[in-house]
C-alpha cells in the first residue's frame, strides 16, 4: 500500500511489487485480492483516478497532461478507467466540478 501511494504516478510493475512483498506475482495477486477484495491493477487505477479527480479542479491543466501525471501511459487507458470509476468522462466531470464559467 505504501509503495503504491508513493509511486502511483510512475509505472508500477507487478513483479516489482511482488518482490517487495517477498512473494511471487501470482501469490501476491491472490493475497492482495483476498485482503482487499480488489485486483492489484484495480487498486492502482482507483488511486490514480482519485488523484485525477483532484487535478481536474485546476482548469489550467490539460486533461491529457493530467492523464500522464496520474501514471497512465496513454490517454485511451485513462479515459476508459476514468469512465469506469466515475461513470462520466473527464471533461464532463470537470464541467460539473467547476461549472460552466
C-alpha atoms as a PDB file:
ATOM      1  CA  UNK A   1       0.000   0.000   0.000  1.00  0.00           C
ATOM      2  CA  UNK A   2       2.751   2.414   0.971  1.00  0.00           C
ATOM      3  CA  UNK A   3       4.681   1.656  -2.208  1.00  0.00           C
ATOM      4  CA  UNK A   4       1.642   2.338  -4.392  1.00  0.00           C
ATOM      5  CA  UNK A   5       0.807   5.575  -2.597  1.00  0.00           C
ATOM      6  CA  UNK A   6       4.367   6.797  -3.083  1.00  0.00           C
ATOM      7  CA  UNK A   7       4.725   5.631  -6.697  1.00  0.00           C
ATOM      8  CA  UNK A   8       1.307   5.604  -8.385  1.00  0.00           C
ATOM      9  CA  UNK A   9       2.356   8.361 -10.789  1.00  0.00           C
ATOM     10  CA  UNK A  10       5.087   6.065 -12.144  1.00  0.00           C
ATOM     11  CA  UNK A  11       4.971   2.735 -13.945  1.00  0.00           C
ATOM     12  CA  UNK A  12       4.302   0.067 -11.320  1.00  0.00           C
ATOM     13  CA  UNK A  13       5.369  -3.431 -12.236  1.00  0.00           C
ATOM     14  CA  UNK A  14       3.606  -6.372 -10.643  1.00  0.00           C
ATOM     15  CA  UNK A  15       6.970  -8.131 -10.476  1.00  0.00           C
ATOM     16  CA  UNK A  16       8.465  -5.228  -8.515  1.00  0.00           C
ATOM     17  CA  UNK A  17       5.589  -5.051  -6.056  1.00  0.00           C
ATOM     18  CA  UNK A  18       5.584  -8.806  -5.542  1.00  0.00           C
ATOM     19  CA  UNK A  19       9.331  -8.710  -4.909  1.00  0.00           C
ATOM     20  CA  UNK A  20       8.855  -6.007  -2.263  1.00  0.00           C
ATOM     21  CA  UNK A  21       6.369  -8.330  -0.545  1.00  0.00           C
ATOM     22  CA  UNK A  22       8.766 -11.296  -0.942  1.00  0.00           C
ATOM     23  CA  UNK A  23       6.158 -13.170  -2.991  1.00  0.00           C
ATOM     24  CA  UNK A  24       5.750 -14.468  -6.499  1.00  0.00           C
ATOM     25  CA  UNK A  25       3.495 -12.321  -8.701  1.00  0.00           C
ATOM     26  CA  UNK A  26       0.709 -14.918  -8.694  1.00  0.00           C
ATOM     27  CA  UNK A  27       0.895 -15.391  -4.904  1.00  0.00           C
ATOM     28  CA  UNK A  28       0.869 -11.636  -4.417  1.00  0.00           C
ATOM     29  CA  UNK A  29      -2.196 -11.235  -6.660  1.00  0.00           C
ATOM     30  CA  UNK A  30      -4.104 -13.915  -4.743  1.00  0.00           C
ATOM     31  CA  UNK A  31      -3.087 -12.456  -1.387  1.00  0.00           C
ATOM     32  CA  UNK A  32      -3.971  -8.907  -2.433  1.00  0.00           C
ATOM     33  CA  UNK A  33      -7.366  -9.919  -3.812  1.00  0.00           C
ATOM     34  CA  UNK A  34      -8.103 -11.912  -0.654  1.00  0.00           C
ATOM     35  CA  UNK A  35      -7.238  -8.986   1.635  1.00  0.00           C
ATOM     36  CA  UNK A  36      -8.773  -6.100  -0.352  1.00  0.00           C
ATOM     37  CA  UNK A  37     -11.457  -7.731  -2.497  1.00  0.00           C
ATOM     38  CA  UNK A  38      -9.861  -5.910  -5.460  1.00  0.00           C
ATOM     39  CA  UNK A  39      -7.274  -6.857  -8.008  1.00  0.00           C
ATOM     40  CA  UNK A  40      -3.965  -5.080  -7.669  1.00  0.00           C
ATOM     41  CA  UNK A  41      -4.484  -3.335 -11.022  1.00  0.00           C
ATOM     42  CA  UNK A  42      -7.944  -2.158  -9.956  1.00  0.00           C
ATOM     43  CA  UNK A  43      -6.468  -0.729  -6.751  1.00  0.00           C
ATOM     44  CA  UNK A  44      -3.695   1.154  -8.558  1.00  0.00           C
ATOM     45  CA  UNK A  45      -6.105   2.560 -11.142  1.00  0.00           C
ATOM     46  CA  UNK A  46      -8.525   3.614  -8.399  1.00  0.00           C
ATOM     47  CA  UNK A  47      -5.753   5.600  -6.681  1.00  0.00           C
ATOM     48  CA  UNK A  48      -4.762   7.185  -9.993  1.00  0.00           C
ATOM     49  CA  UNK A  49      -8.334   8.186 -10.864  1.00  0.00           C
ATOM     50  CA  UNK A  50      -8.871   9.692  -7.402  1.00  0.00           C
ATOM     51  CA  UNK A  51      -5.771  11.816  -7.981  1.00  0.00           C
ATOM     52  CA  UNK A  52      -7.056  12.770 -11.439  1.00  0.00           C
ATOM     53  CA  UNK A  53     -10.301  13.972  -9.869  1.00  0.00           C
ATOM     54  CA  UNK A  54      -8.291  16.294  -7.629  1.00  0.00           C
ATOM     55  CA  UNK A  55      -6.239  17.589 -10.557  1.00  0.00           C
ATOM     56  CA  UNK A  56      -9.342  18.252 -12.656  1.00  0.00           C
ATOM     57  CA  UNK A  57     -10.219  21.086 -10.257  1.00  0.00           C
ATOM     58  CA  UNK A  58      -7.385  23.032 -11.862  1.00  0.00           C
ATOM     59  CA  UNK A  59      -8.800  24.183 -15.182  1.00  0.00           C
ATOM     60  CA  UNK A  60      -5.342  25.298 -16.355  1.00  0.00           C
ATOM     61  CA  UNK A  61      -4.225  21.690 -16.649  1.00  0.00           C
ATOM     62  CA  UNK A  62      -4.989  19.922 -19.901  1.00  0.00           C
ATOM     63  CA  UNK A  63      -6.763  16.589 -19.449  1.00  0.00           C
ATOM     64  CA  UNK A  64      -4.067  14.785 -21.421  1.00  0.00           C
ATOM     65  CA  UNK A  65      -1.450  16.274 -19.057  1.00  0.00           C
ATOM     66  CA  UNK A  66      -3.483  15.062 -16.102  1.00  0.00           C
ATOM     67  CA  UNK A  67      -3.600  11.529 -17.505  1.00  0.00           C
ATOM     68  CA  UNK A  68       0.204  11.447 -17.683  1.00  0.00           C
ATOM     69  CA  UNK A  69       0.628  12.998 -14.226  1.00  0.00           C
ATOM     70  CA  UNK A  70      -1.615  10.275 -12.794  1.00  0.00           C
ATOM     71  CA  UNK A  71       0.558   7.487 -14.147  1.00  0.00           C
ATOM     72  CA  UNK A  72      -1.421   6.375 -17.184  1.00  0.00           C
ATOM     73  CA  UNK A  73       0.774   5.578 -20.157  1.00  0.00           C
ATOM     74  CA  UNK A  74      -1.865   6.511 -22.730  1.00  0.00           C
ATOM     75  CA  UNK A  75      -4.893   8.744 -22.952  1.00  0.00           C
ATOM     76  CA  UNK A  76      -7.239   5.961 -24.081  1.00  0.00           C
ATOM     77  CA  UNK A  77      -6.486   3.921 -20.978  1.00  0.00           C
ATOM     78  CA  UNK A  78      -7.013   6.990 -18.802  1.00  0.00           C
ATOM     79  CA  UNK A  79     -10.396   7.756 -20.365  1.00  0.00           C
ATOM     80  CA  UNK A  80     -11.544   4.145 -20.114  1.00  0.00           C
ATOM     81  CA  UNK A  81     -10.548   3.889 -16.448  1.00  0.00           C
ATOM     82  CA  UNK A  82     -11.924   7.314 -15.588  1.00  0.00           C
ATOM     83  CA  UNK A  83     -15.309   6.401 -17.027  1.00  0.00           C
ATOM     84  CA  UNK A  84     -15.238   3.028 -15.255  1.00  0.00           C
ATOM     85  CA  UNK A  85     -14.665   4.581 -11.834  1.00  0.00           C
ATOM     86  CA  UNK A  86     -16.689   7.803 -12.120  1.00  0.00           C
ATOM     87  CA  UNK A  87     -19.349   6.841 -14.689  1.00  0.00           C
ATOM     88  CA  UNK A  88     -18.551  10.006 -16.667  1.00  0.00           C
ATOM     89  CA  UNK A  89     -15.809  11.415 -18.865  1.00  0.00           C
ATOM     90  CA  UNK A  90     -13.015  13.626 -17.514  1.00  0.00           C
ATOM     91  CA  UNK A  91     -14.392  16.601 -19.474  1.00  0.00           C
ATOM     92  CA  UNK A  92     -17.910  16.239 -18.076  1.00  0.00           C
ATOM     93  CA  UNK A  93     -16.540  15.628 -14.596  1.00  0.00           C
ATOM     94  CA  UNK A  94     -14.595  18.872 -14.819  1.00  0.00           C
ATOM     95  CA  UNK A  95     -17.637  20.786 -16.075  1.00  0.00           C
ATOM     96  CA  UNK A  96     -19.733  19.503 -13.162  1.00  0.00           C
ATOM     97  CA  UNK A  97     -16.913  20.260 -10.728  1.00  0.00           C
ATOM     98  CA  UNK A  98     -16.039  23.805 -11.721  1.00  0.00           C
ATOM     99  CA  UNK A  99     -19.214  24.775 -13.521  1.00  0.00           C
ATOM    100  CA  UNK A 100     -19.594  26.369 -16.900  1.00  0.00           C
ATOM    101  CA  UNK A 101     -17.658  29.572 -16.089  1.00  0.00           C
END
